Amino acid sequence: MSYARTEVAQIAAISGNRCIGKGNELPWHISADLQHFKQMTTKENDGAVQGIVIMGRKTFESMDSKPLPKRVSFIVTTQLDYAEQKGLIGKNNAYVVHNLDDALTQAASLAHGAHLDTIWVIGGERVFSDAMMYTDRIELTHVDTDITDGDAFYPELPDAFIVAAESEQMHDEKSALDFKFVTYQRKAAE
């Protein structure tokens, strides 16, 4: 179910128990996963906009309240003065919106103008959950660990999604964690 013919995709790294965050940070540091995220959410493009990401306020703050390079960020928050607080008024690489529908509508319009075919939902827990019904594809990095004291979790995958591609199991030397990249695609309606 594409949003105005633009694919909506989610991207996250999750533990075995679906943890995505702890203390508003990633529970691990895996360089290959961060490179994968950058590669997926940035597309070489003639225009200035090379990617569009939608995130919640806490996710934005976990990135030092700075928009990602070469990408336009839509930050979803109920705080009406958030753009003023964070000095985002008049910025053309970060927009504060107050609900997911506005984020998707504005992002789809921007994507069309920038000739991008994918809008990326990058977190956190609530935004992933709320966006699931609009999502066409999910890119998950499955990290082979359980985080017992995590405080943000990725939602259960609906039955509508099937594995479309899977990488080999990889190993990160620094964190000593194994991980793999898995692409889930929404099944076509029957």
Protein backbone atom coordinates (compact mmCIF):
# COMPACT_ATOMS: atom_id res chain seq x y z
CA MET A 1 0.00 0.00 0.00
CA SER A 2 2.23 2.78 -1.26
CA TYR A 3 1.72 6.31 -0.10
CA ALA A 4 1.01 8.26 -3.32
CA ARG A 5 3.03 5.76 -5.41
CA THR A 6 6.11 6.28 -3.28
CA GLU A 7 7.37 3.22 -1.43
CA VAL A 8 7.35 3.47 2.36
CA ALA A 9 10.17 1.42 3.89
CA GLN A 10 11.28 0.92 7.48
CA ILE A 11 14.87 0.33 8.52
CA ALA A 12 16.09 -0.79 11.94
CA ALA A 13 18.59 -2.98 13.74
CA ILE A 14 16.94 -5.31 16.25
CA SER A 15 18.10 -7.83 18.83
CA GLY A 16 16.70 -11.34 19.21
CA ASN A 17 14.11 -9.94 21.62
CA ARG A 18 13.34 -7.05 19.18
CA CYS A 19 15.16 -4.38 21.23
CA ILE A 20 16.08 -1.28 19.19
CA GLY A 21 17.12 1.10 21.93
CA LYS A 22 18.42 1.56 25.44
CA GLY A 23 18.62 4.96 27.12
CA ASN A 24 17.79 6.62 23.77
CA GLU A 25 20.84 5.06 22.11
CA LEU A 26 21.49 2.01 19.97
CA PRO A 27 22.32 -0.94 22.23
CA TRP A 28 25.43 -1.73 20.13
CA HIS A 29 27.84 -0.15 17.66
CA ILE A 30 28.26 -2.15 14.46
CA SER A 31 30.04 -0.18 11.73
CA ALA A 32 28.72 -2.35 8.88
CA ASP A 33 25.16 -1.76 10.07
CA LEU A 34 25.66 2.02 10.19
CA GLN A 35 27.13 1.89 6.65
CA HIS A 36 24.17 -0.23 5.52
CA PHE A 37 21.76 2.35 6.99
CA LYS A 38 23.52 5.21 5.22
CA GLN A 39 23.66 3.33 1.92
CA MET A 40 19.97 2.37 2.09
CA THR A 41 18.65 5.81 3.08
CA THR A 42 20.84 7.86 0.70
CA LYS A 43 20.47 7.58 -3.06
CA GLU A 44 22.82 9.22 -5.54
CA ASN A 45 20.63 11.90 -7.05
CA ASP A 46 21.16 14.98 -9.21
CA GLY A 47 19.19 17.07 -6.74
CA ALA A 48 20.29 18.23 -3.33
CA VAL A 49 17.91 15.77 -1.63
CA GLN A 50 19.37 12.26 -1.63
CA GLY A 51 17.01 10.68 0.87
CA ILE A 52 13.95 11.30 3.01
CA VAL A 53 13.62 9.96 6.55
CA ILE A 54 10.75 10.10 9.03
CA MET A 55 11.45 9.74 12.74
CA GLY A 56 10.07 10.52 16.15
CA ARG A 57 11.40 13.24 18.43
CA LYS A 58 13.44 10.88 20.62
CA THR A 59 15.14 9.32 17.59
CA PHE A 60 16.04 12.81 16.34
CA GLU A 61 17.43 13.70 19.76
CA SER A 62 19.45 10.46 19.84
CA MET A 63 21.27 11.85 16.76
CA ASP A 64 22.25 15.02 18.65
CA SER A 65 19.19 16.82 17.22
CA LYS A 66 20.92 17.17 13.86
CA PRO A 67 19.39 16.24 10.48
CA LEU A 68 21.23 13.44 8.65
CA PRO A 69 23.60 14.64 5.89
CA LYS A 70 22.16 14.68 2.34
CA ARG A 71 18.72 13.64 3.65
CA VAL A 72 15.60 15.57 4.59
CA SER A 73 14.30 14.69 8.04
CA PHE A 74 10.67 14.78 9.09
CA ILE A 75 10.42 14.80 12.88
CA VAL A 76 7.09 13.73 14.37
CA THR A 77 6.28 15.23 17.77
CA THR A 78 3.25 16.50 19.65
CA GLN A 79 5.32 19.39 21.05
CA LEU A 80 3.97 22.42 19.20
CA ASP A 81 7.03 24.63 19.79
CA TYR A 82 9.60 21.91 18.99
CA ALA A 83 10.86 23.52 15.76
CA GLU A 84 11.54 26.74 17.67
CA GLN A 85 13.21 24.92 20.57
CA LYS A 86 15.61 23.12 18.23
CA GLY A 87 16.25 26.03 15.87
CA LEU A 88 14.67 24.24 12.91
CA ILE A 89 12.44 27.08 11.68
CA GLY A 90 13.31 27.92 8.08
CA LYS A 91 15.56 24.87 7.60
CA ASN A 92 15.06 23.02 4.34
CA ASN A 93 16.56 19.75 5.58
CA ALA A 94 14.37 19.22 8.67
CA TYR A 95 10.65 19.66 9.16
CA VAL A 96 8.69 19.26 12.37
CA VAL A 97 5.23 17.73 11.93
CA HIS A 98 2.68 16.81 14.54
CA ASN A 99 1.36 13.51 13.18
CA LEU A 100 2.50 10.66 10.95
CA ASP A 101 -0.06 11.39 8.21
CA ASP A 102 1.38 14.89 7.71
CA ALA A 103 4.90 13.45 7.65
CA LEU A 104 3.97 10.85 5.02
CA THR A 105 2.01 13.32 2.88
CA GLN A 106 4.74 15.97 2.90
CA ALA A 107 7.50 13.38 2.45
CA ALA A 108 5.69 11.81 -0.53
CA SER A 109 5.30 15.22 -2.16
CA LEU A 110 8.98 16.00 -1.60
CA ALA A 111 10.01 12.53 -2.83
CA HIS A 112 8.05 13.02 -6.04
CA GLY A 113 9.71 16.40 -6.68
CA ALA A 114 13.17 15.02 -5.87
CA HIS A 115 12.66 11.86 -7.98
CA LEU A 116 13.11 9.56 -4.99
CA ASP A 117 11.05 6.38 -4.91
CA THR A 118 11.38 5.54 -1.21
CA ILE A 119 10.54 7.30 2.04
CA TRP A 120 12.39 5.79 5.03
CA VAL A 121 10.84 5.39 8.47
CA ILE A 122 13.79 5.16 10.88
CA GLY A 123 12.23 5.05 14.35
CA GLY A 124 11.50 4.93 17.09
CA GLU A 125 9.16 2.36 18.53
CA ARG A 126 5.90 4.31 18.19
CA VAL A 127 6.64 5.69 14.71
CA PHE A 128 7.53 2.17 13.48
CA SER A 129 4.30 0.83 14.91
CA ASP A 130 2.09 3.64 13.58
CA ALA A 131 3.69 3.48 10.10
CA MET A 132 3.36 -0.32 9.75
CA MET A 133 0.02 -0.11 7.91
CA TYR A 134 1.60 2.13 5.23
CA THR A 135 4.83 0.15 4.94
CA ASP A 136 5.73 -1.76 1.76
CA ARG A 137 9.20 -3.01 2.73
CA ILE A 138 11.19 -3.50 5.93
CA GLU A 139 14.98 -3.68 6.12
CA LEU A 140 16.03 -5.25 9.42
CA THR A 141 19.50 -5.94 10.71
CA HIS A 142 19.07 -8.95 12.99
CA VAL A 143 21.71 -8.71 15.72
CA ASP A 144 22.39 -12.03 17.43
CA THR A 145 21.98 -10.92 21.04
CA ASP A 146 19.25 -10.25 23.59
CA ILE A 147 19.14 -6.90 25.38
CA THR A 148 17.54 -7.52 28.76
CA ASP A 149 17.48 -3.91 29.91
CA GLY A 150 16.39 -2.26 26.65
CA ASP A 151 13.57 0.28 26.69
CA ALA A 152 12.52 0.54 23.02
CA PHE A 153 11.38 -2.39 20.90
CA TYR A 154 10.50 -3.02 17.27
CA PRO A 155 6.89 -4.14 16.75
CA GLU A 156 6.00 -7.74 15.88
CA LEU A 157 6.09 -8.19 12.11
CA PRO A 158 2.59 -8.60 10.69
CA ASP A 159 1.85 -11.79 8.72
CA ALA A 160 1.58 -9.60 5.62
CA PHE A 161 5.40 -9.50 5.38
CA ILE A 162 7.60 -12.24 3.96
CA VAL A 163 11.38 -12.57 3.68
CA ALA A 164 12.44 -11.35 0.22
CA ALA A 165 16.22 -11.40 0.70
CA GLU A 166 18.72 -12.34 3.37
CA SER A 167 22.46 -11.78 3.67
CA GLU A 168 24.97 -14.25 5.01
CA GLN A 169 25.60 -14.15 8.76
CA MET A 170 28.37 -11.61 9.43
CA HIS A 171 30.57 -10.91 12.44
CA ASP A 172 31.55 -7.53 13.86
CA GLU A 173 35.01 -7.71 15.45
CA LYS A 174 34.66 -4.67 17.73
CA SER A 175 31.34 -5.62 19.33
CA ALA A 176 31.91 -9.38 18.89
CA LEU A 177 28.31 -9.64 17.65
CA ASP A 178 26.95 -11.65 14.73
CA PHE A 179 24.32 -10.06 12.51
CA LYS A 180 22.62 -10.32 9.13
CA PHE A 181 20.55 -8.05 6.89
CA VAL A 182 17.03 -9.22 6.03
CA THR A 183 14.57 -7.62 3.60
CA TYR A 184 10.87 -8.17 4.21
CA GLN A 185 8.34 -7.35 1.52
CA ARG A 186 4.60 -6.91 1.94
CA LYS A 187 2.76 -9.76 0.19
CA ALA A 188 0.63 -8.67 -2.76
CA ALA A 189 -3.07 -8.50 -1.93
CA GLU A 190 -4.86 -11.60 -3.14
